[in-house]
Protein backbone atom coordinates (compact mmCIF):
# COMPACT_ATOMS: atom_id res chain seq x y z
CA MET A 1 -15.09 24.67 7.92
CA PHE A 2 -17.80 24.41 5.29
CA PHE A 3 -20.58 23.38 7.68
CA LYS A 4 -21.40 26.09 10.21
CA ASN A 5 -24.31 24.58 12.12
CA LYS A 6 -22.61 21.57 13.70
CA LYS A 7 -24.59 21.40 16.93
CA HIS A 8 -28.08 21.65 15.46
CA PHE A 9 -30.07 19.55 13.04
CA TRP A 10 -30.46 21.34 9.74
CA LEU A 11 -33.97 21.74 8.30
CA PRO A 12 -34.99 24.19 5.52
CA SER A 13 -37.73 26.65 6.32
CA LYS A 14 -40.39 25.07 4.10
CA PRO A 15 -40.25 21.34 3.49
CA LYS A 16 -41.61 20.08 0.20
CA ASP A 17 -44.95 18.32 0.39
CA LYS A 18 -45.27 14.59 -0.26
CA GLN A 19 -46.72 15.08 -3.73
CA SER A 20 -43.82 17.26 -4.87
CA HIS A 21 -41.38 14.66 -3.57
CA LEU A 22 -43.09 11.90 -5.52
CA LYS A 23 -43.06 13.95 -8.70
CA THR A 24 -39.33 14.52 -8.37
CA SER A 25 -38.76 10.84 -7.78
CA THR A 26 -40.76 9.64 -10.78
CA LYS A 27 -39.64 12.11 -13.43
CA GLN A 28 -36.05 10.90 -13.56
CA ASN A 29 -36.40 9.10 -16.90
CA ASN A 30 -38.05 12.13 -18.49
CA ILE A 31 -35.42 14.70 -17.52
CA GLU A 32 -34.24 16.58 -20.61
CA ARG A 33 -30.59 16.06 -21.44
CA ILE A 34 -28.66 19.17 -20.47
CA PRO A 35 -24.93 19.53 -21.11
CA ASN A 36 -22.75 19.10 -18.05
CA LYS A 37 -25.48 17.67 -15.91
CA VAL A 38 -23.96 15.91 -12.90
CA GLY A 39 -25.14 12.65 -11.44
CA ILE A 40 -24.41 12.03 -7.76
CA VAL A 41 -24.72 8.68 -6.00
CA MET A 42 -24.74 8.52 -2.21
CA PRO A 43 -24.56 4.92 -0.94
CA VAL A 44 -25.85 4.61 2.62
CA TYR A 45 -25.27 1.74 4.99
CA ASN A 46 -25.64 2.14 8.77
CA GLN A 47 -24.91 5.78 9.53
CA GLU A 48 -25.07 8.34 12.33
CA LYS A 49 -28.10 10.63 11.99
CA GLN A 50 -26.09 13.82 12.44
CA TYR A 51 -23.64 12.79 9.70
CA LEU A 52 -26.51 12.22 7.27
CA ILE A 53 -28.03 15.57 8.15
CA GLU A 54 -24.75 17.38 7.53
CA CYS A 55 -24.13 15.53 4.25
CA VAL A 56 -27.63 16.28 2.89
CA HIS A 57 -27.31 19.89 4.01
CA ALA A 58 -24.04 20.16 2.05
CA ILE A 59 -25.79 18.79 -1.04
CA GLU A 60 -28.58 21.36 -0.68
CA GLN A 61 -26.06 24.19 -0.37
CA GLN A 62 -24.37 23.51 -3.72
CA THR A 63 -24.01 26.62 -5.88
CA TYR A 64 -24.12 24.42 -9.00
CA LYS A 65 -27.73 23.24 -9.31
CA ASN A 66 -27.79 21.16 -12.48
CA PHE A 67 -27.52 17.75 -10.84
CA SER A 68 -29.55 14.69 -9.90
CA LEU A 69 -29.05 12.58 -6.80
CA VAL A 70 -29.53 8.87 -6.24
CA ILE A 71 -29.49 7.71 -2.62
CA VAL A 72 -28.86 3.97 -2.44
CA ILE A 73 -29.89 2.47 0.90
CA ASP A 74 -27.68 -0.61 1.04
CA GLY A 75 -29.43 -2.83 3.59
CA ALA A 76 -29.14 -0.20 6.33
CA ASN A 77 -30.65 -0.44 9.80
CA VAL A 78 -34.14 0.90 10.59
CA GLU A 79 -32.92 4.14 12.15
CA THR A 80 -30.75 5.00 9.15
CA VAL A 81 -33.56 4.23 6.67
CA LYS A 82 -35.95 6.41 8.64
CA THR A 83 -33.47 9.29 8.69
CA VAL A 84 -32.87 9.07 4.93
CA TYR A 85 -36.59 9.31 4.14
CA GLU A 86 -37.01 12.08 6.71
CA LEU A 87 -34.27 14.16 5.12
CA SER A 88 -35.33 13.41 1.56
CA SER A 89 -38.58 15.33 2.05
CA TYR A 90 -36.49 18.49 2.41
CA LEU A 91 -34.41 18.04 -0.73
CA THR A 92 -35.07 20.52 -3.52
CA CYS A 93 -32.93 18.76 -6.14
CA ASP A 94 -34.03 15.96 -8.45
CA PHE A 95 -33.51 12.69 -6.62
CA ILE A 96 -34.59 9.09 -6.27
CA ILE A 97 -34.12 6.59 -3.44
CA ILE A 98 -33.22 2.97 -4.00
CA ASP A 99 -34.23 1.17 -0.82
CA ARG A 100 -32.57 -2.25 -0.88
CA LYS A 101 -33.00 -4.49 2.16
CA ILE A 102 -29.90 -6.60 1.50
CA ASN A 103 -26.39 -5.19 1.90
CA LYS A 104 -24.39 -5.72 -1.31
CA GLY A 105 -21.50 -3.31 -0.76
CA ILE A 106 -20.29 -0.03 -2.21
CA ALA A 107 -19.33 -1.25 -5.69
CA TYR A 108 -22.75 -2.81 -6.33
CA SER A 109 -24.53 0.25 -4.92
CA LEU A 110 -22.56 2.66 -7.08
CA ASN A 111 -23.23 0.75 -10.29
CA GLU A 112 -26.91 0.49 -9.36
CA GLY A 113 -27.10 4.22 -8.67
CA PHE A 114 -25.23 5.36 -11.78
CA ASP A 115 -27.51 3.18 -13.90
CA LYS A 116 -30.31 5.60 -12.94
CA LEU A 117 -28.31 8.64 -14.07
CA LYS A 118 -27.82 7.95 -17.76
CA ASP A 119 -28.86 11.48 -18.66
CA CYS A 120 -25.85 12.88 -16.78
CA SER A 121 -22.63 13.61 -18.66
CA TYR A 122 -20.56 13.88 -15.46
CA LEU A 123 -20.63 11.57 -12.43
CA THR A 124 -19.42 11.56 -8.84
CA TRP A 125 -20.25 9.85 -5.59
CA ILE A 126 -20.09 10.98 -1.98
CA SER A 127 -19.82 9.25 1.37
CA SER A 128 -22.72 9.90 3.70
CA ASP A 129 -20.42 11.03 6.53
CA ASN A 130 -18.49 13.66 4.53
CA ARG A 131 -19.39 17.28 3.79
CA GLN A 132 -18.92 19.02 0.47
CA ALA A 133 -17.97 22.67 0.11
CA PRO A 134 -20.74 24.81 -1.44
CA ASN A 135 -18.64 25.19 -4.61
CA PHE A 136 -17.78 21.47 -4.71
CA LEU A 137 -19.71 20.73 -7.92
CA GLU A 138 -19.18 24.16 -9.43
CA LYS A 139 -15.41 23.94 -9.23
CA LEU A 140 -15.24 20.33 -10.43
CA VAL A 141 -17.49 21.02 -13.43
CA GLU A 142 -15.66 24.23 -14.31
CA THR A 143 -12.33 22.41 -14.21
CA MET A 144 -13.63 19.55 -16.34
CA ASN A 145 -15.06 21.98 -18.91
CA THR A 146 -11.82 23.95 -19.21
CA SER A 147 -9.48 20.93 -19.25
CA PRO A 148 -8.30 19.17 -22.42
CA SER A 149 -11.02 17.18 -24.18
CA ASN A 150 -9.34 13.86 -23.32
CA THR A 151 -9.74 14.45 -19.56
CA ALA A 152 -11.47 11.56 -17.82
CA LEU A 153 -11.19 12.69 -14.18
CA VAL A 154 -10.77 15.85 -12.14
CA TYR A 155 -10.11 15.61 -8.42
CA SER A 156 -9.26 17.96 -5.56
CA MET A 157 -7.70 18.18 -2.14
CA TYR A 158 -9.77 17.76 1.01
CA SER A 159 -9.87 18.98 4.61
CA PRO A 160 -9.93 16.42 7.43
CA ILE A 161 -12.57 16.68 10.17
CA ASP A 162 -12.94 14.55 13.27
CA GLU A 163 -15.88 12.40 14.36
CA ASN A 164 -17.56 15.50 15.83
CA GLY A 165 -17.25 17.50 12.61
CA MET A 166 -14.49 19.75 13.92
CA PRO A 167 -11.27 20.45 11.98
CA HIS A 168 -8.85 17.61 12.63
CA PRO A 169 -5.71 18.80 14.44
CA SER A 170 -2.89 19.05 11.91
CA THR A 171 0.59 20.49 11.71
CA PRO A 172 1.55 23.40 9.42
CA TYR A 173 3.07 20.76 7.15
CA PHE A 174 -0.17 18.83 6.60
CA TYR A 175 -1.45 20.61 3.49
CA PRO A 176 1.96 20.88 1.77
CA ALA A 177 2.42 17.15 2.43
CA LEU A 178 -1.09 16.38 1.16
CA TYR A 179 -0.43 18.44 -1.96
CA LYS A 180 2.76 16.48 -2.63
CA MET A 181 0.93 13.19 -2.12
CA MET A 182 -1.98 14.05 -4.43
CA ASN A 183 -0.24 15.99 -7.19
CA ARG A 184 1.03 13.03 -9.21
CA SER A 185 0.98 11.67 -12.73
CA LYS A 186 -1.94 9.34 -13.33
CA GLU A 187 0.44 6.41 -13.86
CA GLU A 188 1.40 6.60 -10.19
CA ILE A 189 -2.03 5.26 -9.27
CA MET A 190 -0.33 1.87 -9.65
CA MET A 191 1.70 2.54 -6.52
CA VAL A 192 -0.58 4.69 -4.35
CA SER A 193 -4.25 5.65 -4.16
CA PHE A 194 -3.91 9.43 -4.29
CA ILE A 195 -7.30 10.53 -5.67
CA GLY A 196 -9.06 11.22 -2.36
CA ALA A 197 -12.77 11.81 -1.74
CA SER A 198 -13.49 14.77 -4.04
CA PHE A 199 -13.69 13.96 -7.76
CA LEU A 200 -15.72 14.06 -10.98
CA TYR A 201 -15.43 11.85 -14.04
CA THR A 202 -17.19 11.62 -17.38
CA ARG A 203 -19.97 9.14 -17.98
CA GLU A 204 -18.24 8.07 -21.17
CA ALA A 205 -15.10 7.14 -19.21
CA PHE A 206 -17.18 5.39 -16.56
CA GLU A 207 -18.98 3.25 -19.13
CA LYS A 208 -15.81 2.37 -21.03
CA THR A 209 -14.15 1.40 -17.76
CA GLY A 210 -17.05 -0.93 -16.95
CA GLY A 211 -18.04 0.58 -13.61
CA TYR A 212 -17.02 -0.68 -10.20
CA ASP A 213 -15.98 -4.27 -9.51
CA SER A 214 -17.45 -5.92 -6.38
CA LYS A 215 -14.61 -8.44 -6.45
CA TYR A 216 -12.31 -5.84 -4.91
CA ASP A 217 -14.70 -5.03 -2.06
CA LEU A 218 -12.73 -2.77 0.33
CA VAL A 219 -10.68 -1.10 -2.42
CA SER A 220 -13.16 -1.06 -5.30
CA ASP A 221 -12.67 2.71 -5.70
CA TYR A 222 -8.88 2.34 -5.98
CA GLU A 223 -9.19 -0.51 -8.48
CA PHE A 224 -11.62 1.65 -10.49
CA TRP A 225 -9.02 4.44 -10.72
CA ILE A 226 -6.50 1.97 -12.14
CA ARG A 227 -8.89 1.08 -14.98
CA LEU A 228 -10.03 4.68 -15.43
CA MET A 229 -6.42 5.69 -16.10
CA LYS A 230 -6.68 4.16 -19.60
CA GLN A 231 -9.67 6.34 -20.53
CA GLY A 232 -8.04 9.75 -20.36
CA GLU A 233 -6.08 12.27 -18.36
CA PHE A 234 -6.41 13.12 -14.66
CA VAL A 235 -6.45 16.80 -13.61
CA PHE A 236 -5.67 17.89 -10.04
CA ILE A 237 -7.30 20.86 -8.28
CA PRO A 238 -5.04 22.12 -5.45
CA GLU A 239 -7.99 23.34 -3.38
CA PRO A 240 -9.97 21.52 -0.65
CA LEU A 241 -13.54 20.94 -1.86
CA MET A 242 -14.55 18.25 0.62
CA GLU A 243 -14.47 17.79 4.37
CA TYR A 244 -13.36 14.22 4.88
CA ARG A 245 -14.41 12.69 8.19
CA LEU A 246 -11.84 10.69 10.12
CA ASN A 247 -12.80 8.15 12.78
CA GLY A 248 -16.50 8.15 11.93
CA LYS A 249 -18.24 5.33 13.80
CA HIS A 250 -19.38 3.49 10.65
CA SER A 251 -16.63 4.67 8.30
CA LEU A 252 -14.94 2.00 6.18
CA THR A 253 -11.52 3.41 7.08
CA THR A 254 -12.44 3.23 10.77
CA LEU A 255 -13.79 -0.31 10.64
CA THR A 256 -10.98 -1.65 8.43
CA PRO A 257 -7.38 -1.80 9.73
CA PRO A 258 -5.10 0.42 7.59
CA GLU A 259 -2.82 -2.55 6.94
CA GLU A 260 -5.67 -4.47 5.33
CA LEU A 261 -6.43 -1.53 3.04
CA TYR A 262 -2.76 -1.25 2.01
CA LEU A 263 -2.46 -4.95 1.26
CA ASN A 264 -5.74 -5.09 -0.65
CA SER A 265 -4.80 -2.02 -2.68
CA MET A 266 -1.46 -3.42 -3.71
CA SER A 267 -3.05 -6.78 -4.51
CA ALA A 268 -5.38 -4.99 -6.94
CA SER A 269 -2.41 -3.15 -8.40
CA LEU A 270 -0.48 -6.41 -8.76
CA GLU A 271 -3.35 -8.08 -10.59
CA HIS A 272 -3.50 -5.25 -13.10
CA ARG A 273 0.27 -5.21 -13.52
CA THR A 274 0.00 -8.88 -14.44
CA LYS A 275 -2.89 -8.27 -16.86
CA ASN A 276 -0.93 -5.43 -18.49
CA GLY A 277 2.18 -7.57 -18.97
CA ASP A 278 4.21 -5.66 -16.38
CA LEU A 279 6.28 -8.72 -15.43
CA PRO A 280 9.78 -7.88 -14.17
CA LYS A 281 12.82 -10.11 -14.37
CA VAL A 282 13.61 -9.42 -10.73
CA SER A 283 11.70 -8.18 -7.69
CA VAL A 284 13.74 -6.25 -5.13
CA ILE A 285 12.37 -6.60 -1.59
CA ILE A 286 13.31 -3.80 0.81
CA THR A 287 12.34 -3.92 4.47
CA ALA A 288 12.48 -0.70 6.47
CA HIS A 289 11.66 0.39 10.02
CA ASN A 290 12.20 4.05 10.96
CA HIS A 291 14.66 4.43 8.09
CA GLY A 292 13.47 7.89 7.11
CA ASN A 293 17.05 9.16 6.99
CA PHE A 294 18.24 6.27 4.83
CA ILE A 295 15.42 4.91 2.67
CA LYS A 296 15.68 7.46 -0.14
CA LYS A 297 19.35 6.59 -0.76
CA CYS A 298 18.46 2.90 -0.64
CA LEU A 299 15.62 3.26 -3.16
CA GLN A 300 17.57 5.57 -5.43
CA SER A 301 20.35 3.00 -5.64
CA VAL A 302 17.78 0.58 -7.10
CA PHE A 303 16.28 3.12 -9.51
CA ASP A 304 19.81 3.93 -10.75
CA GLN A 305 20.50 0.32 -11.79
CA THR A 306 21.87 -0.33 -15.26
CA PHE A 307 19.37 -3.19 -15.47
CA LYS A 308 15.90 -1.63 -15.63
CA ASN A 309 13.36 -4.47 -15.67
CA PHE A 310 12.51 -4.72 -11.97
CA HIS A 311 9.88 -4.06 -9.33
CA VAL A 312 10.67 -2.70 -5.87
CA ILE A 313 8.51 -4.09 -3.08
CA VAL A 314 9.29 -1.81 -0.17
CA VAL A 315 7.77 -2.82 3.16
CA ASP A 316 7.50 -0.10 5.78
CA VAL A 317 7.33 -2.14 8.99
CA GLY A 318 5.51 -0.06 11.60
CA SER A 319 7.62 3.07 11.17
CA THR A 320 6.78 6.07 13.33
CA ASP A 321 9.05 8.51 11.49
CA ASN A 322 8.81 9.82 7.91
CA THR A 323 9.84 6.56 6.21
CA LEU A 324 6.54 6.15 4.34
CA GLU A 325 6.56 9.79 3.20
CA GLU A 326 10.09 9.35 1.87
CA ILE A 327 9.06 6.22 -0.01
CA TYR A 328 6.25 8.09 -1.73
CA SER A 329 8.49 11.07 -2.53
CA LEU A 330 10.19 9.05 -5.27
CA HIS A 331 7.74 8.87 -8.17
CA ASP A 332 8.80 5.60 -9.76
CA THR A 333 5.85 3.42 -10.75
CA ARG A 334 7.92 0.24 -10.45
CA THR A 335 7.48 0.68 -6.69
CA ILE A 336 5.01 -1.45 -4.72
CA PRO A 337 4.83 0.20 -1.28
CA ILE A 338 3.35 -1.75 1.62
CA HIS A 339 2.79 -0.29 5.09
CA ILE A 340 2.24 -2.85 7.84
CA LYS A 341 2.20 -2.80 11.62
CA GLN A 342 5.20 -4.00 13.61
CA ARG A 343 6.49 -7.42 12.54
CA THR A 344 9.74 -9.33 12.60
CA LYS A 345 11.82 -8.98 9.47
CA ALA A 346 11.04 -12.58 8.47
CA GLU A 347 7.30 -11.91 8.69
CA ALA A 348 7.69 -8.74 6.62
CA LEU A 349 9.69 -10.60 3.97
CA ASN A 350 7.00 -13.27 3.70
CA ILE A 351 4.31 -10.60 3.23
CA ALA A 352 6.44 -9.06 0.48
CA LEU A 353 6.82 -12.46 -1.17
CA ASP A 354 3.09 -12.40 -1.98
CA TYR A 355 3.74 -9.40 -4.27
CA VAL A 356 6.65 -10.85 -6.23
CA LEU A 357 6.24 -11.19 -9.99
CA GLY A 358 9.92 -11.56 -10.84
CA GLU A 359 11.86 -14.70 -11.67
CA TYR A 360 14.49 -13.64 -9.15
CA VAL A 361 14.32 -11.89 -5.77
CA LEU A 362 16.97 -9.56 -4.36
CA GLU A 363 16.87 -8.82 -0.62
CA LEU A 364 17.92 -5.36 0.59
CA ASP A 365 17.74 -3.57 3.96
CA GLY A 366 16.29 -0.07 4.03
CA ASP A 367 19.44 1.48 5.51
CA ASP A 368 21.81 -0.07 2.94
CA TRP A 369 22.33 0.47 -0.78
CA ILE A 370 23.61 -1.40 -3.83
CA GLU A 371 26.06 -0.60 -6.63
CA PRO A 372 24.60 0.49 -10.00
CA ILE A 373 25.61 -2.78 -11.69
CA THR A 374 24.34 -5.10 -8.96
CA LEU A 375 21.21 -6.36 -10.73
CA GLU A 376 22.90 -6.60 -14.11
CA VAL A 377 25.79 -8.68 -12.77
CA MET A 378 23.74 -10.97 -10.54
CA ILE A 379 20.98 -11.62 -13.09
CA SER A 380 23.53 -12.38 -15.80
CA GLU A 381 25.24 -14.83 -13.46
CA MET A 382 22.00 -16.47 -12.40
CA ASP A 383 20.79 -16.83 -16.00
CA ASN A 384 23.92 -18.82 -16.86
CA LEU A 385 23.75 -21.16 -13.88
CA SER A 386 21.92 -24.43 -13.42
CA SER A 387 18.41 -24.26 -12.04
CA LYS A 388 19.81 -26.25 -9.11
CA VAL A 389 21.43 -23.01 -7.89
CA GLY A 390 18.90 -21.43 -5.53
CA MET A 391 20.90 -18.35 -4.57
CA VAL A 392 23.84 -16.23 -5.67
CA PHE A 393 25.68 -13.85 -3.38
CA ALA A 394 28.54 -11.37 -3.67
CA ASN A 395 30.80 -9.17 -1.51
CA ARG A 396 29.83 -6.19 0.63
CA ARG A 397 31.57 -3.06 1.79
CA LEU A 398 30.98 -1.74 5.30
CA TRP A 399 30.29 1.93 6.01
CA TYR A 400 30.35 3.46 9.49
CA GLU A 401 28.43 6.51 10.61
CA GLU A 402 30.64 8.94 12.52
CA ASN A 403 29.03 12.25 13.51
CA GLY A 404 26.61 12.04 10.62
CA VAL A 405 29.34 11.25 8.09
CA LEU A 406 29.80 7.90 6.35
CA VAL A 407 33.29 6.49 6.68
CA GLU A 408 34.36 3.69 4.36
CA GLY A 409 35.24 0.41 6.02
CA ASP A 410 36.45 -3.04 5.03
CA ILE A 411 35.18 -5.29 2.27
CA TYR A 412 33.72 -8.59 3.46
CA LYS A 413 34.31 -11.17 0.80
CA GLY A 414 32.52 -14.45 0.31
CA SER A 415 34.07 -17.68 -0.87
CA PRO A 416 33.14 -20.63 -3.10
CA LEU A 417 31.27 -22.66 -0.46
CA LYS A 418 30.78 -26.20 -1.69
CA ASP A 419 28.50 -27.80 0.90
CA LYS A 420 26.13 -26.93 3.69
CA TYR A 421 28.61 -27.72 6.47
CA LYS A 422 31.18 -25.30 5.04
CA ILE A 423 28.46 -22.66 4.80
CA LEU A 424 27.55 -23.24 8.43
CA GLU A 425 31.19 -23.03 9.55
CA SER A 426 31.77 -19.85 7.54
CA PHE A 427 29.14 -18.19 9.75
CA GLN A 428 28.43 -15.48 7.21
CA THR A 429 25.20 -14.09 5.79
CA HIS A 430 26.73 -12.65 2.67
CA CYS A 431 25.02 -9.85 0.81
CA PRO A 432 23.73 -9.02 -1.66
CA ARG A 433 21.66 -12.18 -1.88
CA MET A 434 19.62 -12.99 -4.97
CA TYR A 435 17.27 -15.97 -4.85
CA ARG A 436 15.33 -17.87 -7.43
CA TYR A 437 11.71 -17.10 -6.69
CA SER A 438 10.88 -20.77 -7.25
CA ALA A 439 13.40 -21.73 -4.54
CA LEU A 440 11.83 -19.33 -2.04
CA LYS A 441 8.39 -20.72 -2.77
CA GLU A 442 9.64 -24.29 -2.38
CA LEU A 443 11.01 -23.32 1.03
CA SER A 444 7.71 -21.57 1.92
CA GLY A 445 9.61 -18.33 2.44
CA TRP A 446 11.46 -17.32 5.57
CA MET A 447 11.09 -19.15 8.88
CA THR A 448 9.44 -16.84 11.40
CA THR A 449 9.82 -18.82 14.63
CA LEU A 450 12.27 -21.29 16.10
CA ARG A 451 11.63 -23.36 19.20
CA GLY A 452 8.71 -21.21 20.22
CA GLU A 453 10.23 -17.74 19.84
CA PRO A 454 10.24 -15.15 17.04
CA LEU A 455 13.23 -15.70 14.78
CA ILE A 456 15.46 -12.64 14.34
CA ALA A 457 18.42 -14.61 12.93
CA GLU A 458 16.29 -15.19 9.82
CA ASP A 459 18.99 -14.38 7.27
CA PHE A 460 21.47 -16.95 8.65
CA MET A 461 18.69 -19.54 8.88
CA MET A 462 17.63 -18.85 5.29
CA PHE A 463 21.21 -19.16 4.06
CA LEU A 464 21.42 -22.62 5.64
CA ARG A 465 17.99 -23.71 4.46
CA VAL A 466 18.81 -22.75 0.88
CA ALA A 467 22.13 -24.63 1.11
CA GLU A 468 20.27 -27.63 2.51
CA ARG A 469 18.20 -28.04 -0.65
CA PHE A 470 19.98 -26.09 -3.41
CA LYS A 471 23.40 -25.06 -4.58
CA VAL A 472 24.68 -21.57 -3.81
CA HIS A 473 27.09 -19.54 -5.93
CA TRP A 474 29.52 -16.76 -5.05
CA ILE A 475 30.22 -13.76 -7.31
CA ASP A 476 33.59 -12.22 -6.46
CA GLN A 477 32.52 -8.58 -6.85
CA THR A 478 31.66 -5.93 -4.29
CA LEU A 479 28.04 -5.06 -5.06
CA TYR A 480 26.49 -4.16 -1.70
CA ASN A 481 27.03 -1.33 0.78
CA GLN A 482 26.11 -2.08 4.38
CA ARG A 483 25.62 0.78 6.81
CA ARG A 484 26.69 0.27 10.41
CA HIS A 485 25.03 2.51 12.99
CA ASN A 486 23.86 2.31 16.58
CA LYS A 487 20.38 1.08 15.62
CA ASN A 488 21.55 -2.04 13.78
CA ILE A 489 19.87 -5.16 15.12
CA THR A 490 23.33 -6.69 15.66
CA ILE A 491 23.90 -4.00 18.30
CA ILE A 492 20.54 -3.53 19.96
CA GLN A 493 19.76 -7.28 20.16
CA LYS A 494 23.28 -8.68 20.45
CA GLU A 495 22.59 -11.14 23.28
CA ASN A 496 19.38 -12.46 21.76
CA LEU A 497 21.05 -12.85 18.38
CA ASN A 498 23.93 -14.81 19.86
CA LYS A 499 21.46 -17.12 21.57
CA GLN A 500 19.54 -17.59 18.34
CA PHE A 501 22.67 -18.24 16.27
CA ARG A 502 23.42 -21.13 18.63
CA MET A 503 19.83 -22.37 18.33
CA VAL A 504 19.92 -22.18 14.54
CA VAL A 505 23.19 -24.11 14.32
CA ASP A 506 21.95 -26.76 16.73
CA GLU A 507 18.64 -27.07 14.89
CA MET A 508 20.28 -27.50 11.49
CA LEU A 509 22.89 -30.01 12.71
CA ILE A 510 20.11 -32.14 14.18
CA ARG A 511 18.20 -31.93 10.89
CA TRP A 512 21.33 -32.95 9.00
CA GLY A 513 21.78 -36.15 10.97
CA ASP A 514 23.32 -34.90 14.25
CA SER A 515 26.78 -36.11 13.20
CA TYR A 516 28.59 -32.96 14.30
CA LYS A 517 28.65 -30.64 17.26
CA ALA A 518 29.52 -26.95 17.08
CA ASN A 519 32.15 -25.06 19.07
CA PHE A 520 31.63 -21.31 19.15
CA GLU A 521 34.34 -18.68 19.49
CA GLU A 522 33.42 -15.19 20.71
CA SER A 523 35.08 -11.79 20.70
CA ASP A 524 33.72 -8.69 22.41
CA GLY A 525 30.43 -10.50 23.06
CA TYR A 526 29.93 -11.55 19.42
CA ILE A 527 30.20 -15.02 17.94
CA THR A 528 33.04 -14.82 15.44
CA LYS A 529 33.68 -18.40 14.41
CA ILE A 530 32.07 -21.83 14.41
CA LYS A 531 34.15 -24.98 14.37
CA LEU A 532 32.52 -28.36 13.75
CA GLU A 533 33.79 -31.60 15.15
CA LYS A 534 32.52 -35.13 14.80
CA ARG A 535 30.06 -36.02 17.52
CA ARG A 536 30.94 -39.01 19.66
CA LYS A 537 28.40 -41.38 21.12
CA GLY A 538 26.76 -39.92 24.19
CA ASP A 539 27.69 -36.28 23.32
CA ARG A 540 24.08 -35.23 22.89
CA GLN A 541 23.20 -36.60 26.33
């Protein structure tokens, strides 16, 4: 731990008098320009007194002394304001306080603070509940000075602490995993915010970037990194220089659900992808839940495609295993990772649909994989078809897991289905399935409920809904590999699925005029065939 006096308020032995404090505060514009001077902004909203004490103490303990501090009080409560002024009388560094009564957010506060530090060649900002190592500034400045001249940002690892300032319990794998997460090429900022809480950038890069954008609110720091990427190189320091507080009472990451931060981050990334002309022909949507053993093979099958102009929107749906870690282990910037809490697959697909930039959408399960030519073949076919075709599909091969080994199974072929009734009778949800994005939007995405219950037969329902409004087209090639294992939904929710298949069929037949009734055949507890017959008067009663 960097801070050794956790249980006691820190106060230096001789506080500065009021006059000295005022002199420090008013001489900011007259400070002589000194190379490598660092400007620090500390935005403060409502904050615990002890956290502020520890943060200010960490600033005072810096071994690198050539810095100025701006504390921006961002409409904080009375107790917080009082604590800030109390502590400021003990600061020995150059500082000013901006005491604003109206809360305007972090982005506004940072820009306001950095505007007062124009004599500083390097800039950073700190959260008022974190603690910096004594060599925090020294190491960052040293690294910046010894890095190539086109370096815009240096950043380091951090150590997590809990709400009481104690080291956060972690496994022996925490720091190796953190190192892997943070040690990335700058371009990967488009897929994950890996910078952390310990960093230093040049004023020149900050000004060229245009500062922080209040439009992005919760993720203004992440959006800033995306723009900063264009100003120079990023250099990583594999050493913790900051104690990052988890579960602090007023912390943004405590008050904001992680899902909201993920979605906002990827929305910012998507906007910049659009601005930069990163518009794929096809977006591949992958949904995964506890697919840590399978997801890498699934993703790699997409990255190995002969057709290269795609995005991968991979939705980790409430996984409790290493699925998310495996997603991030593949460093392909065409990936848009989204981590959400538990949802049905239909709900997850609809969330993913908000991040689609492609003309076409391919749907893929996180435990399956596709052939290398899948995108090339299906896109070529779709490009040559009428816009009235809303979906193309192909054949799939089954694979069975036996004692950890994949055993090749049968090929399930589609057929040239000409109308919606034949599609219903075929009782197949063929894969791979590639949709026109415009068709999905016209259908408002996947149905999530049916007759008051969550819909888990969403793929069969979507197949029928597409056929209801568009044409569908079969490609007679085996392009999809479907893994069968004991955690498939068809096994663990067999009874519920059978019930929903019957509901879906009944619902669609009613929508289509109620002219037919369905007879279901079953084998080993599964529906295997649907036969339609003309409905006679009084059948529905």
